[in-house]
Amino acid sequence: MKDLLEYIAKALVDKPEEVSVNVVEGDRSLILQLRVSPEDVGKVIGKQGRIAQALRTLIRATAVKQGKRAIVEILD
């Protein structure tokens, strides 16, 4: 899941070298913290949060297949 989120985020931004994903893992849940360049935050969030919602949906679907719950946080 981390690799998937990182791959998609790098494709969306202008500075892919500044994309990083930190995973905080619990017993049945994961929190994926996505960090991008301040100039690229808008590109990852998208208009009215549509891109961010699509990212969360993809990651959630991947997590369900693994029997876990995933949350994506976009950090400044």
N, C-alpha and C. Protein backbone atom coordinates (compact mmCIF):
# COMPACT_ATOMS: atom_id res chain seq x y z
N MET A 1 0.82 -1.19 0.00
CA MET A 1 0.00 0.00 0.00
C MET A 1 0.86 1.26 0.00
N LYS A 2 1.95 1.22 0.76
CA LYS A 2 2.84 2.38 0.81
C LYS A 2 3.40 2.65 -0.58
N ASP A 3 3.82 1.61 -1.26
CA ASP A 3 4.40 1.78 -2.60
C ASP A 3 3.38 2.31 -3.58
N LEU A 4 2.15 1.83 -3.49
CA LEU A 4 1.08 2.29 -4.38
C LEU A 4 0.81 3.78 -4.17
N LEU A 5 0.67 4.20 -2.93
CA LEU A 5 0.42 5.60 -2.63
C LEU A 5 1.57 6.48 -3.09
N GLU A 6 2.79 6.04 -2.84
CA GLU A 6 3.96 6.80 -3.24
C GLU A 6 4.05 6.92 -4.76
N TYR A 7 3.77 5.84 -5.46
CA TYR A 7 3.82 5.83 -6.93
C TYR A 7 2.80 6.81 -7.51
N ILE A 8 1.58 6.78 -7.02
CA ILE A 8 0.53 7.66 -7.53
C ILE A 8 0.85 9.12 -7.21
N ALA A 9 1.30 9.38 -5.99
CA ALA A 9 1.62 10.76 -5.59
C ALA A 9 2.76 11.33 -6.43
N LYS A 10 3.77 10.52 -6.71
CA LYS A 10 4.89 10.99 -7.52
C LYS A 10 4.45 11.34 -8.93
N ALA A 11 3.45 10.63 -9.45
CA ALA A 11 2.95 10.91 -10.79
C ALA A 11 2.15 12.22 -10.83
N LEU A 12 1.61 12.64 -9.69
CA LEU A 12 0.76 13.83 -9.64
C LEU A 12 1.53 15.14 -9.45
N VAL A 13 2.67 15.09 -8.81
CA VAL A 13 3.35 16.31 -8.37
C VAL A 13 4.46 16.75 -9.32
N ASP A 14 4.93 17.99 -9.14
CA ASP A 14 6.04 18.52 -9.93
C ASP A 14 7.40 18.14 -9.34
N LYS A 15 7.45 17.91 -8.03
CA LYS A 15 8.70 17.56 -7.37
C LYS A 15 8.58 16.16 -6.75
N PRO A 16 8.70 15.10 -7.57
CA PRO A 16 8.51 13.74 -7.04
C PRO A 16 9.57 13.32 -6.03
N GLU A 17 10.73 13.99 -6.04
CA GLU A 17 11.78 13.62 -5.09
C GLU A 17 11.42 14.01 -3.65
N GLU A 18 10.44 14.90 -3.48
CA GLU A 18 10.04 15.33 -2.14
C GLU A 18 8.84 14.56 -1.59
N VAL A 19 8.38 13.55 -2.32
CA VAL A 19 7.25 12.74 -1.86
C VAL A 19 7.77 11.69 -0.88
N SER A 20 7.11 11.59 0.28
CA SER A 20 7.46 10.54 1.23
C SER A 20 6.18 10.04 1.90
N VAL A 21 6.19 8.76 2.21
CA VAL A 21 5.05 8.13 2.87
C VAL A 21 5.56 7.46 4.13
N ASN A 22 4.96 7.82 5.25
CA ASN A 22 5.29 7.21 6.53
C ASN A 22 4.11 6.34 6.96
N VAL A 23 4.39 5.12 7.40
CA VAL A 23 3.33 4.20 7.79
C VAL A 23 3.35 4.02 9.30
N VAL A 24 2.20 4.28 9.93
CA VAL A 24 2.02 4.02 11.35
C VAL A 24 1.08 2.81 11.43
N GLU A 25 1.61 1.70 11.94
CA GLU A 25 0.87 0.45 11.86
C GLU A 25 0.35 0.03 13.22
N GLY A 26 -0.94 -0.33 13.24
CA GLY A 26 -1.56 -0.90 14.41
C GLY A 26 -1.82 -2.37 14.16
N ASP A 27 -2.59 -3.01 15.03
CA ASP A 27 -2.84 -4.44 14.84
C ASP A 27 -3.76 -4.72 13.65
N ARG A 28 -4.80 -3.91 13.45
CA ARG A 28 -5.70 -4.11 12.32
C ARG A 28 -5.87 -2.87 11.46
N SER A 29 -5.07 -1.84 11.71
CA SER A 29 -5.23 -0.62 10.93
C SER A 29 -3.87 -0.02 10.58
N LEU A 30 -3.88 0.76 9.52
CA LEU A 30 -2.70 1.46 9.06
C LEU A 30 -3.03 2.93 8.86
N ILE A 31 -2.10 3.79 9.21
CA ILE A 31 -2.23 5.21 8.89
C ILE A 31 -1.06 5.53 7.96
N LEU A 32 -1.38 5.95 6.76
CA LEU A 32 -0.36 6.33 5.80
C LEU A 32 -0.30 7.84 5.75
N GLN A 33 0.85 8.39 6.13
CA GLN A 33 1.03 9.84 6.16
C GLN A 33 1.80 10.26 4.92
N LEU A 34 1.12 10.98 4.04
CA LEU A 34 1.71 11.42 2.78
C LEU A 34 2.24 12.84 2.95
N ARG A 35 3.51 13.02 2.61
CA ARG A 35 4.15 14.33 2.70
C ARG A 35 4.67 14.71 1.31
N VAL A 36 4.27 15.91 0.86
CA VAL A 36 4.73 16.42 -0.44
C VAL A 36 5.25 17.83 -0.25
N SER A 37 5.85 18.37 -1.29
CA SER A 37 6.34 19.75 -1.27
C SER A 37 5.16 20.71 -1.05
N PRO A 38 5.36 21.80 -0.33
CA PRO A 38 4.25 22.74 -0.09
C PRO A 38 3.59 23.25 -1.38
N GLU A 39 4.36 23.37 -2.46
CA GLU A 39 3.79 23.82 -3.72
C GLU A 39 2.89 22.76 -4.37
N ASP A 40 3.09 21.49 -3.99
CA ASP A 40 2.36 20.39 -4.62
C ASP A 40 1.16 19.90 -3.82
N VAL A 41 0.91 20.47 -2.66
CA VAL A 41 -0.20 20.01 -1.83
C VAL A 41 -1.53 20.14 -2.57
N GLY A 42 -1.72 21.22 -3.27
CA GLY A 42 -2.96 21.43 -4.02
C GLY A 42 -3.18 20.40 -5.11
N LYS A 43 -2.09 19.93 -5.72
CA LYS A 43 -2.22 18.92 -6.76
C LYS A 43 -2.62 17.58 -6.21
N VAL A 44 -2.19 17.27 -5.00
CA VAL A 44 -2.53 16.00 -4.37
C VAL A 44 -3.97 16.05 -3.83
N ILE A 45 -4.40 17.20 -3.37
CA ILE A 45 -5.76 17.33 -2.84
C ILE A 45 -6.77 17.45 -3.98
N GLY A 46 -6.47 18.26 -4.97
CA GLY A 46 -7.35 18.42 -6.13
C GLY A 46 -8.51 19.36 -5.84
N LYS A 47 -9.28 19.64 -6.88
CA LYS A 47 -10.44 20.52 -6.72
C LYS A 47 -11.48 19.84 -5.86
N GLN A 48 -11.90 20.55 -4.84
CA GLN A 48 -12.90 20.08 -3.88
C GLN A 48 -12.52 18.74 -3.25
N GLY A 49 -11.20 18.45 -3.21
CA GLY A 49 -10.72 17.25 -2.55
C GLY A 49 -10.95 15.96 -3.32
N ARG A 50 -11.22 16.06 -4.60
CA ARG A 50 -11.55 14.87 -5.39
C ARG A 50 -10.38 13.91 -5.55
N ILE A 51 -9.19 14.43 -5.80
CA ILE A 51 -8.03 13.56 -5.96
C ILE A 51 -7.68 12.89 -4.64
N ALA A 52 -7.74 13.65 -3.55
CA ALA A 52 -7.47 13.08 -2.23
C ALA A 52 -8.47 11.98 -1.90
N GLN A 53 -9.72 12.19 -2.23
CA GLN A 53 -10.75 11.18 -1.98
C GLN A 53 -10.52 9.94 -2.82
N ALA A 54 -10.08 10.12 -4.07
CA ALA A 54 -9.79 8.98 -4.94
C ALA A 54 -8.60 8.18 -4.40
N LEU A 55 -7.58 8.88 -3.91
CA LEU A 55 -6.44 8.19 -3.30
C LEU A 55 -6.88 7.38 -2.10
N ARG A 56 -7.70 7.97 -1.25
CA ARG A 56 -8.18 7.27 -0.06
C ARG A 56 -9.00 6.04 -0.43
N THR A 57 -9.82 6.16 -1.48
CA THR A 57 -10.64 5.03 -1.92
C THR A 57 -9.77 3.89 -2.42
N LEU A 58 -8.76 4.20 -3.22
CA LEU A 58 -7.86 3.16 -3.73
C LEU A 58 -7.13 2.44 -2.60
N ILE A 59 -6.60 3.21 -1.67
CA ILE A 59 -5.85 2.62 -0.57
C ILE A 59 -6.77 1.80 0.34
N ARG A 60 -7.97 2.31 0.58
CA ARG A 60 -8.94 1.59 1.41
C ARG A 60 -9.30 0.25 0.77
N ALA A 61 -9.51 0.25 -0.54
CA ALA A 61 -9.85 -0.99 -1.24
C ALA A 61 -8.71 -1.99 -1.18
N THR A 62 -7.48 -1.52 -1.31
CA THR A 62 -6.32 -2.40 -1.19
C THR A 62 -6.20 -2.97 0.21
N ALA A 63 -6.48 -2.15 1.21
CA ALA A 63 -6.39 -2.60 2.60
C ALA A 63 -7.45 -3.64 2.93
N VAL A 64 -8.65 -3.48 2.39
CA VAL A 64 -9.72 -4.43 2.66
C VAL A 64 -9.33 -5.82 2.16
N LYS A 65 -8.65 -5.88 1.02
CA LYS A 65 -8.21 -7.17 0.49
C LYS A 65 -7.22 -7.85 1.43
N GLN A 66 -6.49 -7.06 2.20
CA GLN A 66 -5.52 -7.59 3.14
C GLN A 66 -6.11 -7.76 4.54
N GLY A 67 -7.39 -7.44 4.68
CA GLY A 67 -8.04 -7.59 5.98
C GLY A 67 -7.69 -6.51 6.98
N LYS A 68 -7.32 -5.35 6.49
CA LYS A 68 -6.95 -4.24 7.37
C LYS A 68 -7.79 -3.02 7.05
N ARG A 69 -7.61 -1.98 7.84
CA ARG A 69 -8.28 -0.70 7.63
C ARG A 69 -7.19 0.34 7.43
N ALA A 70 -7.32 1.16 6.40
CA ALA A 70 -6.27 2.14 6.10
C ALA A 70 -6.84 3.55 6.07
N ILE A 71 -6.04 4.47 6.57
CA ILE A 71 -6.39 5.89 6.57
C ILE A 71 -5.23 6.64 5.93
N VAL A 72 -5.55 7.53 4.99
CA VAL A 72 -4.52 8.35 4.34
C VAL A 72 -4.61 9.77 4.87
N GLU A 73 -3.51 10.26 5.39
CA GLU A 73 -3.42 11.64 5.88
C GLU A 73 -2.45 12.40 4.98
N ILE A 74 -2.84 13.58 4.55
CA ILE A 74 -1.96 14.42 3.75
C ILE A 74 -1.43 15.51 4.66
N LEU A 75 -0.12 15.49 4.89
CA LEU A 75 0.51 16.42 5.82
C LEU A 75 1.14 17.58 5.07
N ASP A 76 1.20 18.74 5.73
CA ASP A 76 1.83 19.93 5.14
C ASP A 76 3.33 19.81 5.23
